[in-house]
Amino acid sequence: MAMTASKLRQDIYRILDQVIETGEPVIVERHGKRIRIAAEETPPRIGSLVRRPDVVVGDSEDFVHLDWSNEWTE
């Protein structure tokens, strides 16, 4: 995300919180130069995954013994 220094000044605390929360750096342009604001440690990506408990209905062990040989083609 790139923005001007004026835009950063208007909403600096929200933008800084967003960088910390997402780990995505922000680029600020000032006098033709670009400055990057980035979190020192990015949050683990697994924390942003959405839990989807209804994706597998039944016992996941049943998939181990399925015969997929007729699905393969050369």
PDB file of N, CA and C in Angstrom:
ATOM      1  N   MET A   1       0.845  -1.161   0.000  1.00  0.00           N
ATOM      2  CA  MET A   1       0.000   0.000   0.000  1.00  0.00           C
ATOM      3  C   MET A   1       0.900   1.237   0.000  1.00  0.00           C
ATOM      4  N   ALA A   2       0.693   2.145  -0.946  1.00  0.00           N
ATOM      5  CA  ALA A   2       1.468   3.371  -1.021  1.00  0.00           C
ATOM      6  C   ALA A   2       0.565   4.564  -0.723  1.00  0.00           C
ATOM      7  N   MET A   3       1.113   5.550  -0.018  1.00  0.00           N
ATOM      8  CA  MET A   3       0.327   6.736   0.329  1.00  0.00           C
ATOM      9  C   MET A   3       1.250   7.922   0.499  1.00  0.00           C
ATOM     10  N   THR A   4       0.659   9.100   0.551  1.00  0.00           N
ATOM     11  CA  THR A   4       1.428  10.320   0.796  1.00  0.00           C
ATOM     12  C   THR A   4       1.633  10.499   2.297  1.00  0.00           C
ATOM     13  N   ALA A   5       2.563  11.355   2.639  1.00  0.00           N
ATOM     14  CA  ALA A   5       2.810  11.646   4.059  1.00  0.00           C
ATOM     15  C   ALA A   5       1.592  12.321   4.688  1.00  0.00           C
ATOM     16  N   SER A   6       0.869  13.115   3.922  1.00  0.00           N
ATOM     17  CA  SER A   6      -0.336  13.765   4.446  1.00  0.00           C
ATOM     18  C   SER A   6      -1.395  12.741   4.828  1.00  0.00           C
ATOM     19  N   LYS A   7      -1.571  11.737   3.988  1.00  0.00           N
ATOM     20  CA  LYS A   7      -2.538  10.680   4.282  1.00  0.00           C
ATOM     21  C   LYS A   7      -2.105   9.905   5.534  1.00  0.00           C
ATOM     22  N   LEU A   8      -0.824   9.626   5.662  1.00  0.00           N
ATOM     23  CA  LEU A   8      -0.310   8.951   6.847  1.00  0.00           C
ATOM     24  C   LEU A   8      -0.584   9.783   8.099  1.00  0.00           C
ATOM     25  N   ARG A   9      -0.339  11.078   8.024  1.00  0.00           N
ATOM     26  CA  ARG A   9      -0.538  11.962   9.166  1.00  0.00           C
ATOM     27  C   ARG A   9      -2.007  11.992   9.604  1.00  0.00           C
ATOM     28  N   GLN A  10      -2.938  11.929   8.656  1.00  0.00           N
ATOM     29  CA  GLN A  10      -4.363  11.974   8.973  1.00  0.00           C
ATOM     30  C   GLN A  10      -4.815  10.766   9.787  1.00  0.00           C
ATOM     31  N   ASP A  11      -4.209   9.614   9.515  1.00  0.00           N
ATOM     32  CA  ASP A  11      -4.722   8.367  10.089  1.00  0.00           C
ATOM     33  C   ASP A  11      -3.590   7.467  10.594  1.00  0.00           C
ATOM     34  N   ILE A  12      -2.574   8.057  11.194  1.00  0.00           N
ATOM     35  CA  ILE A  12      -1.355   7.320  11.513  1.00  0.00           C
ATOM     36  C   ILE A  12      -1.579   6.136  12.452  1.00  0.00           C
ATOM     37  N   TYR A  13      -2.399   6.298  13.487  1.00  0.00           N
ATOM     38  CA  TYR A  13      -2.571   5.213  14.457  1.00  0.00           C
ATOM     39  C   TYR A  13      -3.301   4.023  13.849  1.00  0.00           C
ATOM     40  N   ARG A  14      -4.315   4.263  13.023  1.00  0.00           N
ATOM     41  CA  ARG A  14      -5.024   3.163  12.364  1.00  0.00           C
ATOM     42  C   ARG A  14      -4.093   2.445  11.385  1.00  0.00           C
ATOM     43  N   ILE A  15      -3.291   3.205  10.650  1.00  0.00           N
ATOM     44  CA  ILE A  15      -2.368   2.616   9.675  1.00  0.00           C
ATOM     45  C   ILE A  15      -1.296   1.795  10.381  1.00  0.00           C
ATOM     46  N   LEU A  16      -0.751   2.308  11.472  1.00  0.00           N
ATOM     47  CA  LEU A  16       0.255   1.552  12.220  1.00  0.00           C
ATOM     48  C   LEU A  16      -0.334   0.267  12.803  1.00  0.00           C
ATOM     49  N   ASP A  17      -1.558   0.337  13.327  1.00  0.00           N
ATOM     50  CA  ASP A  17      -2.220  -0.866  13.848  1.00  0.00           C
ATOM     51  C   ASP A  17      -2.447  -1.887  12.739  1.00  0.00           C
ATOM     52  N   GLN A  18      -2.779  -1.409  11.550  1.00  0.00           N
ATOM     53  CA  GLN A  18      -2.995  -2.300  10.406  1.00  0.00           C
ATOM     54  C   GLN A  18      -1.697  -3.010  10.018  1.00  0.00           C
ATOM     55  N   VAL A  19      -0.585  -2.287  10.024  1.00  0.00           N
ATOM     56  CA  VAL A  19       0.718  -2.893   9.714  1.00  0.00           C
ATOM     57  C   VAL A  19       1.050  -3.970  10.736  1.00  0.00           C
ATOM     58  N   ILE A  20       0.809  -3.679  12.001  1.00  0.00           N
ATOM     59  CA  ILE A  20       1.100  -4.655  13.053  1.00  0.00           C
ATOM     60  C   ILE A  20       0.196  -5.883  12.922  1.00  0.00           C
ATOM     61  N   GLU A  21      -1.081  -5.655  12.646  1.00  0.00           N
ATOM     62  CA  GLU A  21      -2.048  -6.752  12.581  1.00  0.00           C
ATOM     63  C   GLU A  21      -1.845  -7.645  11.369  1.00  0.00           C
ATOM     64  N   THR A  22      -1.610  -7.056  10.196  1.00  0.00           N
ATOM     65  CA  THR A  22      -1.528  -7.844   8.969  1.00  0.00           C
ATOM     66  C   THR A  22      -0.104  -8.230   8.595  1.00  0.00           C
ATOM     67  N   GLY A  23       0.881  -7.468   9.064  1.00  0.00           N
ATOM     68  CA  GLY A  23       2.261  -7.730   8.660  1.00  0.00           C
ATOM     69  C   GLY A  23       2.590  -7.155   7.296  1.00  0.00           C
ATOM     70  N   GLU A  24       1.615  -6.527   6.639  1.00  0.00           N
ATOM     71  CA  GLU A  24       1.834  -5.936   5.318  1.00  0.00           C
ATOM     72  C   GLU A  24       2.434  -4.547   5.480  1.00  0.00           C
ATOM     73  N   PRO A  25       3.588  -4.277   4.864  1.00  0.00           N
ATOM     74  CA  PRO A  25       4.219  -2.961   5.026  1.00  0.00           C
ATOM     75  C   PRO A  25       3.449  -1.865   4.289  1.00  0.00           C
ATOM     76  N   VAL A  26       3.679  -0.629   4.703  1.00  0.00           N
ATOM     77  CA  VAL A  26       3.086   0.545   4.071  1.00  0.00           C
ATOM     78  C   VAL A  26       4.217   1.372   3.478  1.00  0.00           C
ATOM     79  N   ILE A  27       4.020   1.860   2.258  1.00  0.00           N
ATOM     80  CA  ILE A  27       4.998   2.707   1.594  1.00  0.00           C
ATOM     81  C   ILE A  27       4.483   4.145   1.644  1.00  0.00           C
ATOM     82  N   VAL A  28       5.328   5.054   2.124  1.00  0.00           N
ATOM     83  CA  VAL A  28       4.984   6.479   2.201  1.00  0.00           C
ATOM     84  C   VAL A  28       5.892   7.214   1.228  1.00  0.00           C
ATOM     85  N   GLU A  29       5.280   8.038   0.366  1.00  0.00           N
ATOM     86  CA  GLU A  29       6.049   8.828  -0.597  1.00  0.00           C
ATOM     87  C   GLU A  29       6.156  10.270  -0.106  1.00  0.00           C
ATOM     88  N   ARG A  30       7.404  10.771  -0.081  1.00  0.00           N
ATOM     89  CA  ARG A  30       7.635  12.143   0.383  1.00  0.00           C
ATOM     90  C   ARG A  30       8.801  12.724  -0.395  1.00  0.00           C
ATOM     91  N   HIS A  31       8.574  13.834  -1.073  1.00  0.00           N
ATOM     92  CA  HIS A  31       9.593  14.519  -1.874  1.00  0.00           C
ATOM     93  C   HIS A  31      10.257  13.571  -2.877  1.00  0.00           C
ATOM     94  N   GLY A  32       9.450  12.727  -3.492  1.00  0.00           N
ATOM     95  CA  GLY A  32       9.967  11.817  -4.514  1.00  0.00           C
ATOM     96  C   GLY A  32      10.690  10.594  -3.968  1.00  0.00           C
ATOM     97  N   LYS A  33      10.749  10.458  -2.676  1.00  0.00           N
ATOM     98  CA  LYS A  33      11.396   9.296  -2.045  1.00  0.00           C
ATOM     99  C   LYS A  33      10.332   8.397  -1.438  1.00  0.00           C
ATOM    100  N   ARG A  34      10.646   7.119  -1.345  1.00  0.00           N
ATOM    101  CA  ARG A  34       9.716   6.149  -0.756  1.00  0.00           C
ATOM    102  C   ARG A  34      10.286   5.625   0.547  1.00  0.00           C
ATOM    103  N   ILE A  35       9.426   5.598   1.561  1.00  0.00           N
ATOM    104  CA  ILE A  35       9.803   5.111   2.883  1.00  0.00           C
ATOM    105  C   ILE A  35       8.890   3.946   3.222  1.00  0.00           C
ATOM    106  N   ARG A  36       9.471   2.877   3.713  1.00  0.00           N
ATOM    107  CA  ARG A  36       8.686   1.694   4.063  1.00  0.00           C
ATOM    108  C   ARG A  36       8.511   1.614   5.572  1.00  0.00           C
ATOM    109  N   ILE A  37       7.252   1.430   5.993  1.00  0.00           N
ATOM    110  CA  ILE A  37       6.942   1.188   7.404  1.00  0.00           C
ATOM    111  C   ILE A  37       6.517  -0.270   7.497  1.00  0.00           C
ATOM    112  N   ALA A  38       7.276  -1.047   8.249  1.00  0.00           N
ATOM    113  CA  ALA A  38       6.999  -2.472   8.358  1.00  0.00           C
ATOM    114  C   ALA A  38       7.171  -2.926   9.793  1.00  0.00           C
ATOM    115  N   ALA A  39       6.404  -3.932  10.166  1.00  0.00           N
ATOM    116  CA  ALA A  39       6.554  -4.524  11.494  1.00  0.00           C
ATOM    117  C   ALA A  39       7.854  -5.302  11.541  1.00  0.00           C
ATOM    118  N   GLU A  40       8.526  -5.258  12.668  1.00  0.00           N
ATOM    119  CA  GLU A  40       9.794  -5.971  12.799  1.00  0.00           C
ATOM    120  C   GLU A  40       9.575  -7.481  12.734  1.00  0.00           C
ATOM    121  N   GLU A  41       8.532  -7.949  13.381  1.00  0.00           N
ATOM    122  CA  GLU A  41       8.182  -9.365  13.312  1.00  0.00           C
ATOM    123  C   GLU A  41       6.788  -9.459  12.716  1.00  0.00           C
ATOM    124  N   THR A  42       6.657 -10.253  11.665  1.00  0.00           N
ATOM    125  CA  THR A  42       5.338 -10.422  11.064  1.00  0.00           C
ATOM    126  C   THR A  42       4.568 -11.486  11.838  1.00  0.00           C
ATOM    127  N   PRO A  43       3.262 -11.324  11.953  1.00  0.00           N
ATOM    128  CA  PRO A  43       2.467 -12.326  12.669  1.00  0.00           C
ATOM    129  C   PRO A  43       2.443 -13.633  11.879  1.00  0.00           C
ATOM    130  N   PRO A  44       2.301 -14.753  12.550  1.00  0.00           N
ATOM    131  CA  PRO A  44       2.233 -16.021  11.815  1.00  0.00           C
ATOM    132  C   PRO A  44       1.002 -16.051  10.928  1.00  0.00           C
ATOM    133  N   ARG A  45       1.172 -16.531   9.702  1.00  0.00           N
ATOM    134  CA  ARG A  45       0.071 -16.550   8.745  1.00  0.00           C
ATOM    135  C   ARG A  45      -1.032 -17.512   9.156  1.00  0.00           C
ATOM    136  N   ILE A  46      -0.697 -18.512   9.931  1.00  0.00           N
ATOM    137  CA  ILE A  46      -1.708 -19.474  10.334  1.00  0.00           C
ATOM    138  C   ILE A  46      -2.774 -18.823  11.209  1.00  0.00           C
ATOM    139  N   GLY A  47      -2.414 -17.745  11.887  1.00  0.00           N
ATOM    140  CA  GLY A  47      -3.377 -17.047  12.720  1.00  0.00           C
ATOM    141  C   GLY A  47      -4.461 -16.340  11.930  1.00  0.00           C
ATOM    142  N   SER A  48      -4.210 -16.082  10.646  1.00  0.00           N
ATOM    143  CA  SER A  48      -5.206 -15.395   9.830  1.00  0.00           C
ATOM    144  C   SER A  48      -6.134 -16.357   9.091  1.00  0.00           C
ATOM    145  N   LEU A  49      -5.914 -17.649   9.241  1.00  0.00           N
ATOM    146  CA  LEU A  49      -6.785 -18.620   8.574  1.00  0.00           C
ATOM    147  C   LEU A  49      -8.160 -18.646   9.231  1.00  0.00           C
ATOM    148  N   VAL A  50      -9.172 -18.840   8.402  1.00  0.00           N
ATOM    149  CA  VAL A  50     -10.543 -18.913   8.894  1.00  0.00           C
ATOM    150  C   VAL A  50     -10.870 -20.372   9.168  1.00  0.00           C
ATOM    151  N   ARG A  51     -11.394 -20.639  10.340  1.00  0.00           N
ATOM    152  CA  ARG A  51     -11.767 -22.015  10.703  1.00  0.00           C
ATOM    153  C   ARG A  51     -13.007 -22.411   9.923  1.00  0.00           C
ATOM    154  N   ARG A  52     -12.979 -23.564   9.290  1.00  0.00           N
ATOM    155  CA  ARG A  52     -14.099 -24.062   8.500  1.00  0.00           C
ATOM    156  C   ARG A  52     -14.418 -25.494   8.931  1.00  0.00           C
ATOM    157  N   PRO A  53     -15.144 -25.634  10.022  1.00  0.00           N
ATOM    158  CA  PRO A  53     -15.406 -26.969  10.559  1.00  0.00           C
ATOM    159  C   PRO A  53     -16.333 -27.816   9.693  1.00  0.00           C
ATOM    160  N   ASP A  54     -17.101 -27.226   8.792  1.00  0.00           N
ATOM    161  CA  ASP A  54     -18.059 -27.981   7.983  1.00  0.00           C
ATOM    162  C   ASP A  54     -17.498 -28.465   6.649  1.00  0.00           C
ATOM    163  N   VAL A  55     -16.216 -28.261   6.388  1.00  0.00           N
ATOM    164  CA  VAL A  55     -15.652 -28.648   5.097  1.00  0.00           C
ATOM    165  C   VAL A  55     -15.623 -30.158   4.948  1.00  0.00           C
ATOM    166  N   VAL A  56     -15.176 -30.881   5.938  1.00  0.00           N
ATOM    167  CA  VAL A  56     -15.156 -32.342   5.897  1.00  0.00           C
ATOM    168  C   VAL A  56     -16.279 -32.833   6.794  1.00  0.00           C
ATOM    169  N   VAL A  57     -17.245 -33.492   6.162  1.00  0.00           N
ATOM    170  CA  VAL A  57     -18.352 -34.042   6.929  1.00  0.00           C
ATOM    171  C   VAL A  57     -18.100 -35.538   7.054  1.00  0.00           C
ATOM    172  N   GLY A  58     -18.012 -36.016   8.254  1.00  0.00           N
ATOM    173  CA  GLY A  58     -17.711 -37.424   8.481  1.00  0.00           C
ATOM    174  C   GLY A  58     -16.322 -37.592   9.048  1.00  0.00           C
ATOM    175  N   ASP A  59     -15.832 -38.800   8.959  1.00  0.00           N
ATOM    176  CA  ASP A  59     -14.514 -39.122   9.504  1.00  0.00           C
ATOM    177  C   ASP A  59     -13.456 -38.923   8.431  1.00  0.00           C
ATOM    178  N   SER A  60     -12.470 -38.093   8.682  1.00  0.00           N
ATOM    179  CA  SER A  60     -11.422 -37.843   7.690  1.00  0.00           C
ATOM    180  C   SER A  60     -10.590 -39.095   7.415  1.00  0.00           C
ATOM    181  N   GLU A  61     -10.588 -40.057   8.312  1.00  0.00           N
ATOM    182  CA  GLU A  61      -9.856 -41.312   8.086  1.00  0.00           C
ATOM    183  C   GLU A  61     -10.451 -42.107   6.920  1.00  0.00           C
ATOM    184  N   ASP A  62     -11.719 -41.866   6.580  1.00  0.00           N
ATOM    185  CA  ASP A  62     -12.336 -42.568   5.456  1.00  0.00           C
ATOM    186  C   ASP A  62     -11.665 -42.222   4.133  1.00  0.00           C
ATOM    187  N   PHE A  63     -11.040 -41.058   4.027  1.00  0.00           N
ATOM    188  CA  PHE A  63     -10.375 -40.663   2.792  1.00  0.00           C
ATOM    189  C   PHE A  63      -9.096 -41.458   2.549  1.00  0.00           C
ATOM    190  N   VAL A  64      -8.519 -41.995   3.584  1.00  0.00           N
ATOM    191  CA  VAL A  64      -7.263 -42.733   3.456  1.00  0.00           C
ATOM    192  C   VAL A  64      -7.451 -43.979   2.596  1.00  0.00           C
ATOM    193  N   HIS A  65      -8.598 -44.599   2.694  1.00  0.00           N
ATOM    194  CA  HIS A  65      -8.816 -45.873   2.022  1.00  0.00           C
ATOM    195  C   HIS A  65      -9.626 -45.761   0.725  1.00  0.00           C
ATOM    196  N   LEU A  66      -9.825 -44.566   0.204  1.00  0.00           N
ATOM    197  CA  LEU A  66     -10.537 -44.398  -1.062  1.00  0.00           C
ATOM    198  C   LEU A  66      -9.666 -44.852  -2.222  1.00  0.00           C
ATOM    199  N   ASP A  67     -10.294 -45.440  -3.228  1.00  0.00           N
ATOM    200  CA  ASP A  67      -9.569 -45.865  -4.425  1.00  0.00           C
ATOM    201  C   ASP A  67      -9.700 -44.766  -5.482  1.00  0.00           C
ATOM    202  N   TRP A  68      -8.603 -44.076  -5.764  1.00  0.00           N
ATOM    203  CA  TRP A  68      -8.592 -42.984  -6.729  1.00  0.00           C
ATOM    204  C   TRP A  68      -7.994 -43.423  -8.067  1.00  0.00           C
ATOM    205  N   SER A  69      -7.723 -44.694  -8.258  1.00  0.00           N
ATOM    206  CA  SER A  69      -7.022 -45.159  -9.465  1.00  0.00           C
ATOM    207  C   SER A  69      -7.781 -44.862 -10.747  1.00  0.00           C
ATOM    208  N   ASN A  70      -9.112 -44.867 -10.719  1.00  0.00           N
ATOM    209  CA  ASN A  70      -9.866 -44.595 -11.942  1.00  0.00           C
ATOM    210  C   ASN A  70      -9.893 -43.101 -12.289  1.00  0.00           C
ATOM    211  N   GLU A  71      -9.438 -42.234 -11.376  1.00  0.00           N
ATOM    212  CA  GLU A  71      -9.388 -40.801 -11.624  1.00  0.00           C
ATOM    213  C   GLU A  71      -8.106 -40.375 -12.347  1.00  0.00           C
ATOM    214  N   TRP A  72      -7.097 -41.216 -12.348  1.00  0.00           N
ATOM    215  CA  TRP A  72      -5.808 -40.862 -12.925  1.00  0.00           C
ATOM    216  C   TRP A  72      -5.771 -41.195 -14.409  1.00  0.00           C
ATOM    217  N   THR A  73      -5.262 -40.262 -15.213  1.00  0.00           N
ATOM    218  CA  THR A  73      -5.054 -40.518 -16.645  1.00  0.00           C
ATOM    219  C   THR A  73      -3.627 -40.095 -16.989  1.00  0.00           C
ATOM    220  N   GLU A  74      -3.102 -40.737 -17.994  1.00  0.00           N
ATOM    221  CA  GLU A  74      -1.733 -40.401 -18.413  1.00  0.00           C
ATOM    222  C   GLU A  74      -1.739 -39.394 -19.530  1.00  0.00           C
TER     223      GLU A  74
END
